[in-house]
Amino acid sequence: MADIHYQPKRVFVSRPIEFWRTDAHKIVLKNTERYVQELERNSYIKEVCMDTLFKRIEKHISDDMKIQSKGFKDFISMIVDEHYEMTRNVDNNLHYLWHLYRKGTKAGDYKPFILMAEMQLLKEMGYLSEDEIQNMWNMIDSKDEDNFNLVWMALRTLRLTRVHEHGEYGKRPTDVYTPIVKDYPSKILNHELFLKTGNK
């Protein structure tokens, strides 16, 4: 009797480049059967072994998470830098707080008060309402990762709009920030707000 050699089942994927640009990061790897059915429905035809297929998916997910993580860290760093400058010669305690997250022992760390401070700044400049801030905070407080990502990316877009229209504080001569900075401890980040959002 001839030896029977096991051959791994092959899935046929037609346009791999286009496929890897789709929402592969949403695929739950353990749902193998459902995913294979989805591939077959979409008629992607090019021979790919199952093990190779899932290795590529895992790499795509990993790369996507790295890009998103770096984007978030860069966004937080920009907020911290700007608010550090805003509190210079305004409030020593708040200035030191921002220093800790900028160059001190907390550098690179994230706390929700950082996003809340940016929300308050955007509110003072007319980009957000109090109700919108509350909705965003509820999404952050829900501990849902998708909600969190939606909030910080929305805030990043609003911040970019603010910087485009008014410049970043301290980098372009403008009087629009003067009254806000003067009242920073009451309008942007006060003790009560920090206690509410600083230790989440």
C-alpha atoms as a PDB file:
ATOM      1  CA  MET A   1       0.000   0.000   0.000  1.00  0.00           C
ATOM      2  CA  ALA A   2       1.374   3.358  -1.045  1.00  0.00           C
ATOM      3  CA  ASP A   3       2.304   5.787   1.685  1.00  0.00           C
ATOM      4  CA  ILE A   4      -0.199   8.535   2.198  1.00  0.00           C
ATOM      5  CA  HIS A   5       1.400  11.880   2.938  1.00  0.00           C
ATOM      6  CA  TYR A   6      -0.655  14.548   4.614  1.00  0.00           C
ATOM      7  CA  GLN A   7      -1.046  17.661   2.506  1.00  0.00           C
ATOM      8  CA  PRO A   8      -2.150  20.836   4.280  1.00  0.00           C
ATOM      9  CA  LYS A   9      -5.402  22.259   3.038  1.00  0.00           C
ATOM     10  CA  ARG A  10      -4.773  25.204   0.773  1.00  0.00           C
ATOM     11  CA  VAL A  11      -6.814  28.343   0.522  1.00  0.00           C
ATOM     12  CA  PHE A  12      -6.782  30.287  -2.709  1.00  0.00           C
ATOM     13  CA  VAL A  13      -6.421  34.040  -2.499  1.00  0.00           C
ATOM     14  CA  SER A  14      -6.397  36.018  -5.717  1.00  0.00           C
ATOM     15  CA  ARG A  15      -5.009  39.483  -5.086  1.00  0.00           C
ATOM     16  CA  PRO A  16      -2.921  39.276  -1.914  1.00  0.00           C
ATOM     17  CA  ILE A  17      -1.688  42.884  -2.084  1.00  0.00           C
ATOM     18  CA  GLU A  18      -5.219  44.262  -2.171  1.00  0.00           C
ATOM     19  CA  PHE A  19      -6.315  41.833   0.527  1.00  0.00           C
ATOM     20  CA  TRP A  20      -3.673  42.874   3.022  1.00  0.00           C
ATOM     21  CA  ARG A  21      -4.824  46.485   2.621  1.00  0.00           C
ATOM     22  CA  THR A  22      -8.339  45.600   3.765  1.00  0.00           C
ATOM     23  CA  ASP A  23      -9.662  45.245   7.313  1.00  0.00           C
ATOM     24  CA  ALA A  24      -7.546  42.191   8.108  1.00  0.00           C
ATOM     25  CA  HIS A  25      -6.842  43.601  11.564  1.00  0.00           C
ATOM     26  CA  LYS A  26     -10.496  42.942  12.445  1.00  0.00           C
ATOM     27  CA  ILE A  27     -10.179  39.216  11.838  1.00  0.00           C
ATOM     28  CA  VAL A  28     -10.465  37.054  14.928  1.00  0.00           C
ATOM     29  CA  LEU A  29      -7.881  34.400  14.325  1.00  0.00           C
ATOM     30  CA  LYS A  30      -9.668  31.674  16.267  1.00  0.00           C
ATOM     31  CA  ASN A  31     -12.715  31.856  13.967  1.00  0.00           C
ATOM     32  CA  THR A  32     -10.877  29.962  11.250  1.00  0.00           C
ATOM     33  CA  GLU A  33     -13.859  28.412   9.533  1.00  0.00           C
ATOM     34  CA  ARG A  34     -15.844  31.653   9.354  1.00  0.00           C
ATOM     35  CA  TYR A  35     -12.833  33.479   7.955  1.00  0.00           C
ATOM     36  CA  VAL A  36     -12.151  30.859   5.284  1.00  0.00           C
ATOM     37  CA  GLN A  37     -15.792  31.096   4.187  1.00  0.00           C
ATOM     38  CA  GLU A  38     -15.421  34.853   3.903  1.00  0.00           C
ATOM     39  CA  LEU A  39     -12.344  34.407   1.719  1.00  0.00           C
ATOM     40  CA  GLU A  40     -14.193  31.996  -0.548  1.00  0.00           C
ATOM     41  CA  ARG A  41     -17.169  34.352  -0.899  1.00  0.00           C
ATOM     42  CA  ASN A  42     -14.858  37.162  -1.989  1.00  0.00           C
ATOM     43  CA  SER A  43     -13.174  34.972  -4.633  1.00  0.00           C
ATOM     44  CA  TYR A  44      -9.567  35.940  -3.960  1.00  0.00           C
ATOM     45  CA  ILE A  45      -7.576  33.474  -6.054  1.00  0.00           C
ATOM     46  CA  LYS A  46      -3.859  32.839  -5.417  1.00  0.00           C
ATOM     47  CA  GLU A  47      -2.483  29.778  -3.691  1.00  0.00           C
ATOM     48  CA  VAL A  48      -1.600  30.404  -0.050  1.00  0.00           C
ATOM     49  CA  CYS A  49      -1.106  27.729   2.606  1.00  0.00           C
ATOM     50  CA  MET A  50      -3.160  28.134   5.769  1.00  0.00           C
ATOM     51  CA  ASP A  51      -0.137  28.496   8.021  1.00  0.00           C
ATOM     52  CA  THR A  52       1.380  31.167   5.765  1.00  0.00           C
ATOM     53  CA  LEU A  53      -1.957  32.959   5.542  1.00  0.00           C
ATOM     54  CA  PHE A  54      -2.363  33.316   9.279  1.00  0.00           C
ATOM     55  CA  LYS A  55       1.251  34.310   9.818  1.00  0.00           C
ATOM     56  CA  ARG A  56       0.661  37.178   7.414  1.00  0.00           C
ATOM     57  CA  ILE A  57      -2.537  38.152   9.205  1.00  0.00           C
ATOM     58  CA  GLU A  58      -0.774  38.152  12.568  1.00  0.00           C
ATOM     59  CA  LYS A  59       2.026  40.314  11.144  1.00  0.00           C
ATOM     60  CA  HIS A  60      -0.535  42.744   9.687  1.00  0.00           C
ATOM     61  CA  ILE A  61      -2.261  43.015  13.057  1.00  0.00           C
ATOM     62  CA  SER A  62       1.044  43.520  14.852  1.00  0.00           C
ATOM     63  CA  ASP A  63       2.196  46.221  12.401  1.00  0.00           C
ATOM     64  CA  ASP A  64      -1.158  47.995  12.594  1.00  0.00           C
ATOM     65  CA  MET A  65      -1.024  48.047  16.401  1.00  0.00           C
ATOM     66  CA  LYS A  66       2.530  49.409  16.363  1.00  0.00           C
ATOM     67  CA  ILE A  67       1.541  52.239  14.001  1.00  0.00           C
ATOM     68  CA  GLN A  68      -1.506  53.104  16.083  1.00  0.00           C
ATOM     69  CA  SER A  69       0.470  52.940  19.329  1.00  0.00           C
ATOM     70  CA  LYS A  70       3.159  55.255  17.966  1.00  0.00           C
ATOM     71  CA  GLY A  71       0.513  57.676  16.691  1.00  0.00           C
ATOM     72  CA  PHE A  72      -1.085  57.832  20.139  1.00  0.00           C
ATOM     73  CA  LYS A  73       2.250  58.385  21.896  1.00  0.00           C
ATOM     74  CA  ASP A  74       3.165  61.165  19.479  1.00  0.00           C
ATOM     75  CA  PHE A  75      -0.230  62.798  20.028  1.00  0.00           C
ATOM     76  CA  ILE A  76       0.132  62.666  23.833  1.00  0.00           C
ATOM     77  CA  SER A  77       3.651  64.084  23.563  1.00  0.00           C
ATOM     78  CA  MET A  78       2.394  67.064  21.547  1.00  0.00           C
ATOM     79  CA  ILE A  79      -0.315  67.809  24.125  1.00  0.00           C
ATOM     80  CA  VAL A  80       2.141  67.577  27.017  1.00  0.00           C
ATOM     81  CA  ASP A  81       4.673  69.863  25.313  1.00  0.00           C
ATOM     82  CA  GLU A  82       2.098  72.543  24.557  1.00  0.00           C
ATOM     83  CA  HIS A  83       0.454  72.520  27.978  1.00  0.00           C
ATOM     84  CA  TYR A  84       3.885  72.603  29.601  1.00  0.00           C
ATOM     85  CA  GLU A  85       4.544  75.863  27.757  1.00  0.00           C
ATOM     86  CA  MET A  86       1.091  77.224  28.605  1.00  0.00           C
ATOM     87  CA  THR A  87       1.634  76.847  32.338  1.00  0.00           C
ATOM     88  CA  ARG A  88       5.086  78.431  32.331  1.00  0.00           C
ATOM     89  CA  ASN A  89       5.013  81.464  34.662  1.00  0.00           C
ATOM     90  CA  VAL A  90       1.298  80.869  35.250  1.00  0.00           C
ATOM     91  CA  ASP A  91       1.078  78.123  37.866  1.00  0.00           C
ATOM     92  CA  ASN A  92       4.161  76.442  39.320  1.00  0.00           C
ATOM     93  CA  ASN A  93       2.318  73.327  40.481  1.00  0.00           C
ATOM     94  CA  LEU A  94       0.691  72.686  37.108  1.00  0.00           C
ATOM     95  CA  HIS A  95       3.923  73.528  35.293  1.00  0.00           C
ATOM     96  CA  TYR A  96       5.761  70.941  37.395  1.00  0.00           C
ATOM     97  CA  LEU A  97       2.995  68.398  36.739  1.00  0.00           C
ATOM     98  CA  TRP A  98       3.413  68.805  32.985  1.00  0.00           C
ATOM     99  CA  HIS A  99       7.197  68.687  33.422  1.00  0.00           C
ATOM    100  CA  LEU A 100       6.886  65.260  35.053  1.00  0.00           C
ATOM    101  CA  TYR A 101       5.075  63.913  31.973  1.00  0.00           C
ATOM    102  CA  ARG A 102       7.362  65.744  29.573  1.00  0.00           C
ATOM    103  CA  LYS A 103      10.919  65.148  30.811  1.00  0.00           C
ATOM    104  CA  GLY A 104      10.497  63.891  34.361  1.00  0.00           C
ATOM    105  CA  THR A 105       9.790  60.546  35.991  1.00  0.00           C
ATOM    106  CA  LYS A 106       6.425  60.179  34.201  1.00  0.00           C
ATOM    107  CA  ALA A 107       7.751  60.952  30.701  1.00  0.00           C
ATOM    108  CA  GLY A 108       6.022  58.766  28.131  1.00  0.00           C
ATOM    109  CA  ASP A 109       3.252  57.736  30.516  1.00  0.00           C
ATOM    110  CA  TYR A 110      -0.420  58.335  29.782  1.00  0.00           C
ATOM    111  CA  LYS A 111      -3.122  59.513  32.175  1.00  0.00           C
ATOM    112  CA  PRO A 112      -6.648  60.565  31.145  1.00  0.00           C
ATOM    113  CA  PHE A 113      -6.177  64.086  32.535  1.00  0.00           C
ATOM    114  CA  ILE A 114      -3.899  64.738  29.552  1.00  0.00           C
ATOM    115  CA  LEU A 115      -6.767  64.201  27.111  1.00  0.00           C
ATOM    116  CA  MET A 116      -9.160  66.078  29.398  1.00  0.00           C
ATOM    117  CA  ALA A 117      -6.858  69.120  29.440  1.00  0.00           C
ATOM    118  CA  GLU A 118      -6.858  69.132  25.633  1.00  0.00           C
ATOM    119  CA  MET A 119     -10.659  68.793  25.599  1.00  0.00           C
ATOM    120  CA  GLN A 120     -10.974  71.818  27.884  1.00  0.00           C
ATOM    121  CA  LEU A 121      -8.632  73.850  25.682  1.00  0.00           C
ATOM    122  CA  LEU A 122     -10.647  72.896  22.601  1.00  0.00           C
ATOM    123  CA  LYS A 123     -13.845  73.887  24.426  1.00  0.00           C
ATOM    124  CA  GLU A 124     -12.452  77.309  25.339  1.00  0.00           C
ATOM    125  CA  MET A 125     -11.564  77.877  21.691  1.00  0.00           C
ATOM    126  CA  GLY A 126     -14.978  76.803  20.392  1.00  0.00           C
ATOM    127  CA  TYR A 127     -14.147  73.382  18.965  1.00  0.00           C
ATOM    128  CA  LEU A 128     -16.054  71.323  21.541  1.00  0.00           C
ATOM    129  CA  SER A 129     -19.137  71.778  23.710  1.00  0.00           C
ATOM    130  CA  GLU A 130     -19.560  70.650  27.306  1.00  0.00           C
ATOM    131  CA  ASP A 131     -21.967  67.915  26.183  1.00  0.00           C
ATOM    132  CA  GLU A 132     -19.454  66.637  23.638  1.00  0.00           C
ATOM    133  CA  ILE A 133     -16.748  66.543  26.298  1.00  0.00           C
ATOM    134  CA  GLN A 134     -19.025  64.558  28.579  1.00  0.00           C
ATOM    135  CA  ASN A 135     -19.809  62.082  25.802  1.00  0.00           C
ATOM    136  CA  MET A 136     -16.103  61.673  25.044  1.00  0.00           C
ATOM    137  CA  TRP A 137     -15.281  61.198  28.693  1.00  0.00           C
ATOM    138  CA  ASN A 138     -17.973  58.535  29.018  1.00  0.00           C
ATOM    139  CA  MET A 139     -16.396  56.714  26.069  1.00  0.00           C
ATOM    140  CA  ILE A 140     -12.958  56.871  27.692  1.00  0.00           C
ATOM    141  CA  ASP A 141     -14.388  55.783  31.037  1.00  0.00           C
ATOM    142  CA  SER A 142     -16.122  52.793  29.435  1.00  0.00           C
ATOM    143  CA  LYS A 143     -12.738  51.006  29.164  1.00  0.00           C
ATOM    144  CA  ASP A 144     -13.706  49.903  25.650  1.00  0.00           C
ATOM    145  CA  GLU A 145     -10.652  49.993  23.388  1.00  0.00           C
ATOM    146  CA  ASP A 146     -12.612  50.931  20.261  1.00  0.00           C
ATOM    147  CA  ASN A 147     -14.308  53.818  22.080  1.00  0.00           C
ATOM    148  CA  PHE A 148     -10.962  55.010  23.373  1.00  0.00           C
ATOM    149  CA  ASN A 149      -9.405  54.941  19.907  1.00  0.00           C
ATOM    150  CA  LEU A 150     -12.338  56.876  18.457  1.00  0.00           C
ATOM    151  CA  VAL A 151     -11.953  59.576  21.102  1.00  0.00           C
ATOM    152  CA  TRP A 152      -8.231  60.170  20.821  1.00  0.00           C
ATOM    153  CA  MET A 153      -8.286  60.163  17.025  1.00  0.00           C
ATOM    154  CA  ALA A 154     -11.184  62.645  17.030  1.00  0.00           C
ATOM    155  CA  LEU A 155      -9.264  64.854  19.458  1.00  0.00           C
ATOM    156  CA  ARG A 156      -6.161  64.635  17.299  1.00  0.00           C
ATOM    157  CA  THR A 157      -8.177  65.859  14.304  1.00  0.00           C
ATOM    158  CA  LEU A 158      -9.645  68.744  16.313  1.00  0.00           C
ATOM    159  CA  ARG A 159      -6.216  69.690  17.633  1.00  0.00           C
ATOM    160  CA  LEU A 160      -4.756  69.689  14.128  1.00  0.00           C
ATOM    161  CA  THR A 161      -7.599  71.990  13.045  1.00  0.00           C
ATOM    162  CA  ARG A 162      -6.900  74.332  15.966  1.00  0.00           C
ATOM    163  CA  VAL A 163      -3.176  74.418  15.223  1.00  0.00           C
ATOM    164  CA  HIS A 164      -3.867  75.024  11.525  1.00  0.00           C
ATOM    165  CA  GLU A 165      -6.172  77.953  12.286  1.00  0.00           C
ATOM    166  CA  HIS A 166      -4.395  79.518  15.270  1.00  0.00           C
ATOM    167  CA  GLY A 167      -0.981  77.961  15.485  1.00  0.00           C
ATOM    168  CA  GLU A 168       0.503  76.000  18.353  1.00  0.00           C
ATOM    169  CA  TYR A 169       0.898  77.988  21.544  1.00  0.00           C
ATOM    170  CA  GLY A 170       4.285  79.671  21.709  1.00  0.00           C
ATOM    171  CA  LYS A 171       5.207  78.882  18.099  1.00  0.00           C
ATOM    172  CA  ARG A 172       3.190  81.531  16.270  1.00  0.00           C
ATOM    173  CA  PRO A 173       2.490  85.104  17.476  1.00  0.00           C
ATOM    174  CA  THR A 174      -1.213  85.229  18.333  1.00  0.00           C
ATOM    175  CA  ASP A 175      -3.357  86.807  21.043  1.00  0.00           C
ATOM    176  CA  VAL A 176      -6.038  84.125  20.946  1.00  0.00           C
ATOM    177  CA  TYR A 177      -4.352  82.068  23.677  1.00  0.00           C
ATOM    178  CA  THR A 178      -3.595  84.977  26.031  1.00  0.00           C
ATOM    179  CA  PRO A 179      -6.869  85.035  28.043  1.00  0.00           C
ATOM    180  CA  ILE A 180      -6.985  81.234  28.138  1.00  0.00           C
ATOM    181  CA  VAL A 181      -3.445  80.901  29.449  1.00  0.00           C
ATOM    182  CA  LYS A 182      -4.063  83.624  32.019  1.00  0.00           C
ATOM    183  CA  ASP A 183      -6.951  81.602  33.474  1.00  0.00           C
ATOM    184  CA  TYR A 184      -5.430  78.175  32.764  1.00  0.00           C
ATOM    185  CA  PRO A 185      -5.775  76.911  36.384  1.00  0.00           C
ATOM    186  CA  SER A 186      -9.519  77.577  36.360  1.00  0.00           C
ATOM    187  CA  LYS A 187     -10.470  77.015  32.715  1.00  0.00           C
ATOM    188  CA  ILE A 188      -8.247  74.139  31.595  1.00  0.00           C
ATOM    189  CA  LEU A 189      -6.979  72.004  34.460  1.00  0.00           C
ATOM    190  CA  ASN A 190      -7.972  72.734  38.031  1.00  0.00           C
ATOM    191  CA  HIS A 191      -7.462  70.654  41.152  1.00  0.00           C
ATOM    192  CA  GLU A 192     -10.949  69.147  41.078  1.00  0.00           C
ATOM    193  CA  LEU A 193     -10.680  68.147  37.426  1.00  0.00           C
ATOM    194  CA  PHE A 194      -7.268  66.587  37.982  1.00  0.00           C
ATOM    195  CA  LEU A 195      -8.550  64.528  40.914  1.00  0.00           C
ATOM    196  CA  LYS A 196     -11.419  63.321  38.739  1.00  0.00           C
ATOM    197  CA  THR A 197      -9.278  62.336  35.766  1.00  0.00           C
ATOM    198  CA  GLY A 198      -5.690  62.009  36.991  1.00  0.00           C
ATOM    199  CA  ASN A 199      -5.771  58.570  38.545  1.00  0.00           C
ATOM    200  CA  LYS A 200      -8.056  56.639  36.208  1.00  0.00           C
END
